[in-house]
Amino acid sequence: MAIENPAGNGNNAGNHNKSSDALPIFYDWLMKHAGASGQWNHPDYMTDNFNNYAYRTDGRDKGMNILEMHNYGSWLWKGILDYESSYILALDTGWHVMPAANSDTHSPNWISGYEPRTVLLAPSLTRADLYGAMSACRGYATLDKNLHVSYSLNGQVMGSTLSPASIYTASIHIQDPDNTPNDAITLVEIVSDGGKVVASIPAHSNMVDWTVTLTSGTAHYFYLRVSTESNVSGGPGLTAWTAPVWTGR
């Protein structure tokens, strides 16, 4: 279930005209549907980050699992929109969400004709396993359709919640099987609260293996950000973002 602009005519949530009414009502409605998974679409386009992600409760948090990190080629603007600042705001507000990369082209080739992908870590392609991965935030957004990203913290995969600690070991494996210069990985970063980069490593290869120790007694989450020589827009830049591992604070 995706939501775009509940502040409009209210069609997304019980025919209420005000976002202050519609959003919490929608979240509560979603909670009543076991196994449902909600996604926020283009959060700062025609909206105010959904009232800056207000109205969070633990129950509502279980229903909203995904946030659009990247939007490519909408028929409205024929361009590219990135929402990492919105992603960070949602995480800092306490929501447990994973990023998504979408082709918003309104044409029948939105998958085959474009590179962006939302990758789910699931044991199989059954509906149950895919919904389970979304609900658990096990996944990442990538602008390179076959970029492989593996990220764990203290042995727990992206989307997990740890018991609070002060020392964490991040284990990272990234690979692009095309092995072409345009797909070379140039930078890997670990991002924490407030969008702060707490560790990074430059690279000039199609494969990166990196193990790093992080020390923090206050961090709530750590996610991975990957840059390559060429992203979907044809220039160097950010290419992939993972779900966090949460520290349990």
C-alpha atoms as a PDB file:
ATOM      1  CA  MET A   1       0.000   0.000   0.000  1.00  0.00           C
ATOM      2  CA  ALA A   2       1.553   3.301  -1.108  1.00  0.00           C
ATOM      3  CA  ILE A   3       0.500   6.774  -0.048  1.00  0.00           C
ATOM      4  CA  GLU A   4       1.325   9.957  -1.924  1.00  0.00           C
ATOM      5  CA  ASN A   5      -0.731  12.963  -0.867  1.00  0.00           C
ATOM      6  CA  PRO A   6      -3.290  12.242   1.823  1.00  0.00           C
ATOM      7  CA  ALA A   7      -3.753  15.953   2.440  1.00  0.00           C
ATOM      8  CA  GLY A   8      -5.653  16.396  -0.823  1.00  0.00           C
ATOM      9  CA  ASN A   9      -9.240  15.186  -1.237  1.00  0.00           C
ATOM     10  CA  GLY A  10      -8.898  12.475   1.394  1.00  0.00           C
ATOM     11  CA  ASN A  11      -9.496   9.580  -0.986  1.00  0.00           C
ATOM     12  CA  ASN A  12      -6.604   7.652   0.553  1.00  0.00           C
ATOM     13  CA  ALA A  13      -7.922   7.599   4.098  1.00  0.00           C
ATOM     14  CA  GLY A  14     -11.563   7.690   5.005  1.00  0.00           C
ATOM     15  CA  ASN A  15     -12.574  10.799   3.025  1.00  0.00           C
ATOM     16  CA  HIS A  16     -11.072  13.230   5.522  1.00  0.00           C
ATOM     17  CA  ASN A  17      -9.925  16.550   4.086  1.00  0.00           C
ATOM     18  CA  LYS A  18      -7.085  17.415   6.457  1.00  0.00           C
ATOM     19  CA  SER A  19      -3.797  15.581   6.593  1.00  0.00           C
ATOM     20  CA  SER A  20      -3.891  15.886  10.395  1.00  0.00           C
ATOM     21  CA  ASP A  21      -7.017  13.700  10.222  1.00  0.00           C
ATOM     22  CA  ALA A  22      -6.180  11.510   7.251  1.00  0.00           C
ATOM     23  CA  LEU A  23      -2.690  10.341   8.128  1.00  0.00           C
ATOM     24  CA  PRO A  24      -3.299   8.841  11.581  1.00  0.00           C
ATOM     25  CA  ILE A  25      -6.574   7.344  10.362  1.00  0.00           C
ATOM     26  CA  PHE A  26      -4.775   5.746   7.441  1.00  0.00           C
ATOM     27  CA  TYR A  27      -2.022   4.412   9.695  1.00  0.00           C
ATOM     28  CA  ASP A  28      -4.592   2.938  12.059  1.00  0.00           C
ATOM     29  CA  TRP A  29      -6.527   1.419   9.153  1.00  0.00           C
ATOM     30  CA  LEU A  30      -3.310  -0.178   7.877  1.00  0.00           C
ATOM     31  CA  MET A  31      -2.598  -1.652  11.317  1.00  0.00           C
ATOM     32  CA  LYS A  32      -5.855  -3.601  11.123  1.00  0.00           C
ATOM     33  CA  HIS A  33      -4.710  -5.503   8.024  1.00  0.00           C
ATOM     34  CA  ALA A  34      -2.245  -8.119   9.187  1.00  0.00           C
ATOM     35  CA  GLY A  35       0.680  -8.524   6.799  1.00  0.00           C
ATOM     36  CA  ALA A  36       0.056  -5.242   4.967  1.00  0.00           C
ATOM     37  CA  SER A  37       3.065  -3.060   4.212  1.00  0.00           C
ATOM     38  CA  GLY A  38       2.865   0.707   3.614  1.00  0.00           C
ATOM     39  CA  GLN A  39       5.209   2.873   1.550  1.00  0.00           C
ATOM     40  CA  TRP A  40       5.607   6.657   1.526  1.00  0.00           C
ATOM     41  CA  ASN A  41       5.984   7.878  -2.069  1.00  0.00           C
ATOM     42  CA  HIS A  42       7.938  11.044  -3.087  1.00  0.00           C
ATOM     43  CA  PRO A  43       7.637  12.464   0.425  1.00  0.00           C
ATOM     44  CA  ASP A  44       8.619  16.090  -0.182  1.00  0.00           C
ATOM     45  CA  TYR A  45       6.953  16.425  -3.599  1.00  0.00           C
ATOM     46  CA  MET A  46       3.524  18.026  -3.031  1.00  0.00           C
ATOM     47  CA  THR A  47       3.735  17.094   0.657  1.00  0.00           C
ATOM     48  CA  ASP A  48       5.638  18.170   3.754  1.00  0.00           C
ATOM     49  CA  ASN A  49       7.226  14.793   4.456  1.00  0.00           C
ATOM     50  CA  PHE A  50       3.792  13.595   5.560  1.00  0.00           C
ATOM     51  CA  ASN A  51       3.637  16.148   8.368  1.00  0.00           C
ATOM     52  CA  ASN A  52       7.295  15.429   9.112  1.00  0.00           C
ATOM     53  CA  TYR A  53       6.398  11.833   9.947  1.00  0.00           C
ATOM     54  CA  ALA A  54       4.267  12.764  12.929  1.00  0.00           C
ATOM     55  CA  TYR A  55       1.724  10.428  14.573  1.00  0.00           C
ATOM     56  CA  ARG A  56       4.139   7.538  15.038  1.00  0.00           C
ATOM     57  CA  THR A  57       3.210   4.829  17.509  1.00  0.00           C
ATOM     58  CA  ASP A  58       4.735   1.392  17.900  1.00  0.00           C
ATOM     59  CA  GLY A  59       1.666  -0.138  16.255  1.00  0.00           C
ATOM     60  CA  ARG A  60       1.678   2.261  13.303  1.00  0.00           C
ATOM     61  CA  ASP A  61       5.404   1.712  12.907  1.00  0.00           C
ATOM     62  CA  LYS A  62       4.752  -1.947  12.156  1.00  0.00           C
ATOM     63  CA  GLY A  63       2.502  -1.043   9.216  1.00  0.00           C
ATOM     64  CA  MET A  64       4.660   1.586   7.479  1.00  0.00           C
ATOM     65  CA  ASN A  65       7.808  -0.166   6.304  1.00  0.00           C
ATOM     66  CA  ILE A  66       9.103   1.528   3.124  1.00  0.00           C
ATOM     67  CA  LEU A  67      10.060   5.011   1.973  1.00  0.00           C
ATOM     68  CA  GLU A  68      10.764   6.001  -1.617  1.00  0.00           C
ATOM     69  CA  MET A  69      14.442   6.956  -1.749  1.00  0.00           C
ATOM     70  CA  HIS A  70      14.626   7.470  -5.506  1.00  0.00           C
ATOM     71  CA  ASN A  71      12.023   8.273  -8.150  1.00  0.00           C
ATOM     72  CA  TYR A  72      13.004   8.096 -11.810  1.00  0.00           C
ATOM     73  CA  GLY A  73      11.224   9.511 -14.817  1.00  0.00           C
ATOM     74  CA  SER A  74       7.761  10.454 -13.646  1.00  0.00           C
ATOM     75  CA  TRP A  75       5.477  11.541 -16.440  1.00  0.00           C
ATOM     76  CA  LEU A  76       4.937  14.769 -14.473  1.00  0.00           C
ATOM     77  CA  TRP A  77       8.513  16.022 -14.496  1.00  0.00           C
ATOM     78  CA  LYS A  78      10.514  13.599 -16.684  1.00  0.00           C
ATOM     79  CA  GLY A  79      13.346  13.750 -14.206  1.00  0.00           C
ATOM     80  CA  ILE A  80      14.917  12.259 -11.120  1.00  0.00           C
ATOM     81  CA  LEU A  81      14.072  12.882  -7.498  1.00  0.00           C
ATOM     82  CA  ASP A  82      16.068  11.652  -4.516  1.00  0.00           C
ATOM     83  CA  TYR A  83      14.766  11.669  -0.963  1.00  0.00           C
ATOM     84  CA  GLU A  84      17.602  10.713   1.335  1.00  0.00           C
ATOM     85  CA  SER A  85      16.971  13.706   3.605  1.00  0.00           C
ATOM     86  CA  SER A  86      13.374  12.486   4.002  1.00  0.00           C
ATOM     87  CA  TYR A  87      14.611   8.980   4.747  1.00  0.00           C
ATOM     88  CA  ILE A  88      16.892  10.308   7.482  1.00  0.00           C
ATOM     89  CA  LEU A  89      14.060  12.399   8.936  1.00  0.00           C
ATOM     90  CA  ALA A  90      11.778   9.353   9.113  1.00  0.00           C
ATOM     91  CA  LEU A  91      14.496   7.284  10.789  1.00  0.00           C
ATOM     92  CA  ASP A  92      15.287  10.069  13.257  1.00  0.00           C
ATOM     93  CA  THR A  93      11.590  10.324  14.094  1.00  0.00           C
ATOM     94  CA  GLY A  94      11.645   6.660  15.081  1.00  0.00           C
ATOM     95  CA  TRP A  95      10.050   4.905  12.108  1.00  0.00           C
ATOM     96  CA  HIS A  96      11.530   1.580  11.036  1.00  0.00           C
ATOM     97  CA  VAL A  97      11.614   1.754   7.249  1.00  0.00           C
ATOM     98  CA  MET A  98      13.699   0.535   4.321  1.00  0.00           C
ATOM     99  CA  PRO A  99      14.430   2.541   1.135  1.00  0.00           C
ATOM    100  CA  ALA A 100      12.870   1.898  -2.277  1.00  0.00           C
ATOM    101  CA  ALA A 101      13.992   2.906  -5.786  1.00  0.00           C
ATOM    102  CA  ASN A 102      11.125   3.273  -8.258  1.00  0.00           C
ATOM    103  CA  SER A 103      10.581   3.905 -11.963  1.00  0.00           C
ATOM    104  CA  ASP A 104       7.630   6.282 -12.056  1.00  0.00           C
ATOM    105  CA  THR A 105       7.311   6.446 -15.831  1.00  0.00           C
ATOM    106  CA  HIS A 106       3.604   5.576 -16.212  1.00  0.00           C
ATOM    107  CA  SER A 107       4.526   3.330 -19.134  1.00  0.00           C
ATOM    108  CA  PRO A 108       4.528  -0.461 -19.589  1.00  0.00           C
ATOM    109  CA  ASN A 109       8.336  -0.746 -19.481  1.00  0.00           C
ATOM    110  CA  TRP A 110       8.885   0.642 -15.970  1.00  0.00           C
ATOM    111  CA  ILE A 111      10.927  -2.444 -15.058  1.00  0.00           C
ATOM    112  CA  SER A 112      12.567  -3.629 -18.262  1.00  0.00           C
ATOM    113  CA  GLY A 113      13.389  -0.156 -19.563  1.00  0.00           C
ATOM    114  CA  TYR A 114      15.044   1.304 -16.469  1.00  0.00           C
ATOM    115  CA  GLU A 115      17.756   0.448 -13.968  1.00  0.00           C
ATOM    116  CA  PRO A 116      16.313   1.342 -10.521  1.00  0.00           C
ATOM    117  CA  ARG A 117      15.371  -1.607  -8.342  1.00  0.00           C
ATOM    118  CA  THR A 118      14.095  -2.264  -4.850  1.00  0.00           C
ATOM    119  CA  VAL A 119      15.841  -5.415  -3.649  1.00  0.00           C
ATOM    120  CA  LEU A 120      14.259  -7.649  -1.000  1.00  0.00           C
ATOM    121  CA  LEU A 121      16.149 -10.236   1.038  1.00  0.00           C
ATOM    122  CA  ALA A 122      13.726 -13.147   0.972  1.00  0.00           C
ATOM    123  CA  PRO A 123      14.226 -16.921   1.009  1.00  0.00           C
ATOM    124  CA  SER A 124      11.926 -17.345  -2.000  1.00  0.00           C
ATOM    125  CA  LEU A 125       9.763 -15.368  -4.421  1.00  0.00           C
ATOM    126  CA  THR A 126       6.504 -16.397  -2.801  1.00  0.00           C
ATOM    127  CA  ARG A 127       4.047 -13.678  -1.845  1.00  0.00           C
ATOM    128  CA  ALA A 128       4.430 -14.568   1.841  1.00  0.00           C
ATOM    129  CA  ASP A 129       8.222 -14.331   1.791  1.00  0.00           C
ATOM    130  CA  LEU A 130       8.260 -11.059  -0.160  1.00  0.00           C
ATOM    131  CA  TYR A 131       5.728  -9.429   2.154  1.00  0.00           C
ATOM    132  CA  GLY A 132       7.688 -10.799   5.086  1.00  0.00           C
ATOM    133  CA  ALA A 133      10.852  -9.110   3.795  1.00  0.00           C
ATOM    134  CA  MET A 134       9.035  -5.789   3.366  1.00  0.00           C
ATOM    135  CA  SER A 135       7.524  -5.973   6.840  1.00  0.00           C
ATOM    136  CA  ALA A 136      10.960  -6.735   8.299  1.00  0.00           C
ATOM    137  CA  CYS A 137      12.662  -3.948   6.263  1.00  0.00           C
ATOM    138  CA  ARG A 138      15.089  -6.447   4.774  1.00  0.00           C
ATOM    139  CA  GLY A 139      16.178  -4.750   1.580  1.00  0.00           C
ATOM    140  CA  TYR A 140      17.889  -1.933  -0.251  1.00  0.00           C
ATOM    141  CA  ALA A 141      17.394   0.546  -3.072  1.00  0.00           C
ATOM    142  CA  THR A 142      19.758   0.551  -6.039  1.00  0.00           C
ATOM    143  CA  LEU A 143      20.050   2.487  -9.288  1.00  0.00           C
ATOM    144  CA  ASP A 144      22.070  -0.373 -10.806  1.00  0.00           C
ATOM    145  CA  LYS A 145      19.765  -3.324 -11.371  1.00  0.00           C
ATOM    146  CA  ASN A 146      22.362  -6.016 -10.647  1.00  0.00           C
ATOM    147  CA  LEU A 147      24.443  -4.386  -7.919  1.00  0.00           C
ATOM    148  CA  HIS A 148      24.725  -6.860  -5.057  1.00  0.00           C
ATOM    149  CA  VAL A 149      24.915  -5.405  -1.552  1.00  0.00           C
ATOM    150  CA  SER A 150      25.370  -7.440   1.623  1.00  0.00           C
ATOM    151  CA  TYR A 151      25.434  -5.579   4.934  1.00  0.00           C
ATOM    152  CA  SER A 152      25.234  -6.826   8.501  1.00  0.00           C
ATOM    153  CA  LEU A 153      25.972  -5.378  11.925  1.00  0.00           C
ATOM    154  CA  ASN A 154      27.110  -7.657  14.725  1.00  0.00           C
ATOM    155  CA  GLY A 155      26.106 -10.540  12.493  1.00  0.00           C
ATOM    156  CA  GLN A 156      22.537  -9.323  11.927  1.00  0.00           C
ATOM    157  CA  VAL A 157      21.355  -8.410   8.423  1.00  0.00           C
ATOM    158  CA  MET A 158      19.891  -5.076   7.328  1.00  0.00           C
ATOM    159  CA  GLY A 159      16.454  -4.539   8.854  1.00  0.00           C
ATOM    160  CA  SER A 160      17.398  -6.187  12.146  1.00  0.00           C
ATOM    161  CA  THR A 161      17.200  -4.649  15.612  1.00  0.00           C
ATOM    162  CA  LEU A 162      20.041  -5.428  18.017  1.00  0.00           C
ATOM    163  CA  SER A 163      20.290  -5.312  21.763  1.00  0.00           C
ATOM    164  CA  PRO A 164      21.887  -1.982  22.739  1.00  0.00           C
ATOM    165  CA  ALA A 165      25.684  -2.033  22.803  1.00  0.00           C
ATOM    166  CA  SER A 166      28.551   0.407  22.415  1.00  0.00           C
ATOM    167  CA  ILE A 167      30.761  -1.469  19.936  1.00  0.00           C
ATOM    168  CA  TYR A 168      29.501  -2.766  16.596  1.00  0.00           C
ATOM    169  CA  THR A 169      31.166  -4.706  13.794  1.00  0.00           C
ATOM    170  CA  ALA A 170      29.899  -3.939  10.286  1.00  0.00           C
ATOM    171  CA  SER A 171      30.479  -6.582   7.621  1.00  0.00           C
ATOM    172  CA  ILE A 172      30.027  -5.443   4.023  1.00  0.00           C
ATOM    173  CA  HIS A 173      30.301  -7.121   0.640  1.00  0.00           C
ATOM    174  CA  ILE A 174      29.411  -5.222  -2.542  1.00  0.00           C
ATOM    175  CA  GLN A 175      29.835  -6.489  -6.079  1.00  0.00           C
ATOM    176  CA  ASP A 176      28.801  -5.529  -9.590  1.00  0.00           C
ATOM    177  CA  PRO A 177      28.946  -8.616 -11.819  1.00  0.00           C
ATOM    178  CA  ASP A 178      29.239  -6.597 -15.048  1.00  0.00           C
ATOM    179  CA  ASN A 179      32.858  -5.788 -14.138  1.00  0.00           C
ATOM    180  CA  THR A 180      32.873  -2.664 -16.308  1.00  0.00           C
ATOM    181  CA  PRO A 181      34.627   0.630 -15.433  1.00  0.00           C
ATOM    182  CA  ASN A 182      31.337   2.569 -15.443  1.00  0.00           C
ATOM    183  CA  ASP A 183      30.016   0.339 -12.671  1.00  0.00           C
ATOM    184  CA  ALA A 184      33.093   0.566 -10.457  1.00  0.00           C
ATOM    185  CA  ILE A 185      32.392   1.287  -6.794  1.00  0.00           C
ATOM    186  CA  THR A 186      34.015   4.558  -5.712  1.00  0.00           C
ATOM    187  CA  LEU A 187      32.869   5.117  -2.126  1.00  0.00           C
ATOM    188  CA  VAL A 188      31.141   3.169   0.643  1.00  0.00           C
ATOM    189  CA  GLU A 189      29.756   5.037   3.662  1.00  0.00           C
ATOM    190  CA  ILE A 190      28.036   4.078   6.889  1.00  0.00           C
ATOM    191  CA  VAL A 191      25.431   6.659   7.896  1.00  0.00           C
ATOM    192  CA  SER A 192      23.928   7.120  11.356  1.00  0.00           C
ATOM    193  CA  ASP A 193      21.604   9.471  13.238  1.00  0.00           C
ATOM    194  CA  GLY A 194      21.050  12.839  11.607  1.00  0.00           C
ATOM    195  CA  GLY A 195      22.691  11.681   8.387  1.00  0.00           C
ATOM    196  CA  LYS A 196      26.169  11.684   9.921  1.00  0.00           C
ATOM    197  CA  VAL A 197      28.776   9.589   8.101  1.00  0.00           C
ATOM    198  CA  VAL A 198      30.507   7.579  10.830  1.00  0.00           C
ATOM    199  CA  ALA A 199      32.796   5.480   8.612  1.00  0.00           C
ATOM    200  CA  SER A 200      33.767   5.424   4.939  1.00  0.00           C
ATOM    201  CA  ILE A 201      36.162   3.778   2.546  1.00  0.00           C
ATOM    202  CA  PRO A 202      37.141   4.848  -0.986  1.00  0.00           C
ATOM    203  CA  ALA A 203      37.246   2.201  -3.684  1.00  0.00           C
ATOM    204  CA  HIS A 204      38.168   1.767  -7.340  1.00  0.00           C
ATOM    205  CA  SER A 205      36.868  -1.706  -8.032  1.00  0.00           C
ATOM    206  CA  ASN A 206      33.772  -3.689  -8.946  1.00  0.00           C
ATOM    207  CA  MET A 207      33.967  -5.539  -5.626  1.00  0.00           C
ATOM    208  CA  VAL A 208      34.421  -4.300  -2.069  1.00  0.00           C
ATOM    209  CA  ASP A 209      34.846  -6.387   1.079  1.00  0.00           C
ATOM    210  CA  TRP A 210      35.006  -4.273   4.225  1.00  0.00           C
ATOM    211  CA  THR A 211      34.830  -5.018   7.911  1.00  0.00           C
ATOM    212  CA  VAL A 212      34.887  -2.049  10.273  1.00  0.00           C
ATOM    213  CA  THR A 213      34.313  -1.450  13.980  1.00  0.00           C
ATOM    214  CA  LEU A 214      31.930   1.317  15.035  1.00  0.00           C
ATOM    215  CA  THR A 215      31.810   2.762  18.522  1.00  0.00           C
ATOM    216  CA  SER A 216      28.757   4.624  19.833  1.00  0.00           C
ATOM    217  CA  GLY A 217      26.711   4.639  22.997  1.00  0.00           C
ATOM    218  CA  THR A 218      23.946   6.803  21.540  1.00  0.00           C
ATOM    219  CA  ALA A 219      23.327   5.837  17.890  1.00  0.00           C
ATOM    220  CA  HIS A 220      19.880   4.508  17.001  1.00  0.00           C
ATOM    221  CA  TYR A 221      20.704   3.116  13.546  1.00  0.00           C
ATOM    222  CA  PHE A 222      23.390   2.565  10.910  1.00  0.00           C
ATOM    223  CA  TYR A 223      22.720   2.179   7.177  1.00  0.00           C
ATOM    224  CA  LEU A 224      24.978   1.752   4.156  1.00  0.00           C
ATOM    225  CA  ARG A 225      25.359   4.145   1.217  1.00  0.00           C
ATOM    226  CA  VAL A 226      27.207   3.228  -1.996  1.00  0.00           C
ATOM    227  CA  SER A 227      28.555   5.487  -4.744  1.00  0.00           C
ATOM    228  CA  THR A 228      29.738   4.328  -8.165  1.00  0.00           C
ATOM    229  CA  GLU A 229      31.313   5.845 -11.254  1.00  0.00           C
ATOM    230  CA  SER A 230      27.986   6.122 -13.030  1.00  0.00           C
ATOM    231  CA  ASN A 231      24.483   6.248 -11.623  1.00  0.00           C
ATOM    232  CA  VAL A 232      21.192   6.237 -13.488  1.00  0.00           C
ATOM    233  CA  SER A 233      21.583   9.885 -14.523  1.00  0.00           C
ATOM    234  CA  GLY A 234      24.865   9.163 -16.289  1.00  0.00           C
ATOM    235  CA  GLY A 235      27.114  10.992 -13.832  1.00  0.00           C
ATOM    236  CA  PRO A 236      29.138   9.887 -10.845  1.00  0.00           C
ATOM    237  CA  GLY A 237      27.241   9.663  -7.614  1.00  0.00           C
ATOM    238  CA  LEU A 238      25.097   7.795  -5.185  1.00  0.00           C
ATOM    239  CA  THR A 239      23.850   4.457  -6.400  1.00  0.00           C
ATOM    240  CA  ALA A 240      22.531   2.391  -3.480  1.00  0.00           C
ATOM    241  CA  TRP A 241      21.161   2.744   0.039  1.00  0.00           C
ATOM    242  CA  THR A 242      20.341  -0.069   2.453  1.00  0.00           C
ATOM    243  CA  ALA A 243      17.869  -0.451   5.249  1.00  0.00           C
ATOM    244  CA  PRO A 244      19.494   0.253   8.591  1.00  0.00           C
ATOM    245  CA  VAL A 245      20.378  -2.099  11.348  1.00  0.00           C
ATOM    246  CA  TRP A 246      18.825  -0.569  14.458  1.00  0.00           C
ATOM    247  CA  THR A 247      20.667  -0.627  17.782  1.00  0.00           C
ATOM    248  CA  GLY A 248      17.584  -1.169  19.950  1.00  0.00           C
ATOM    249  CA  ARG A 249      17.790   2.206  21.687  1.00  0.00           C
END
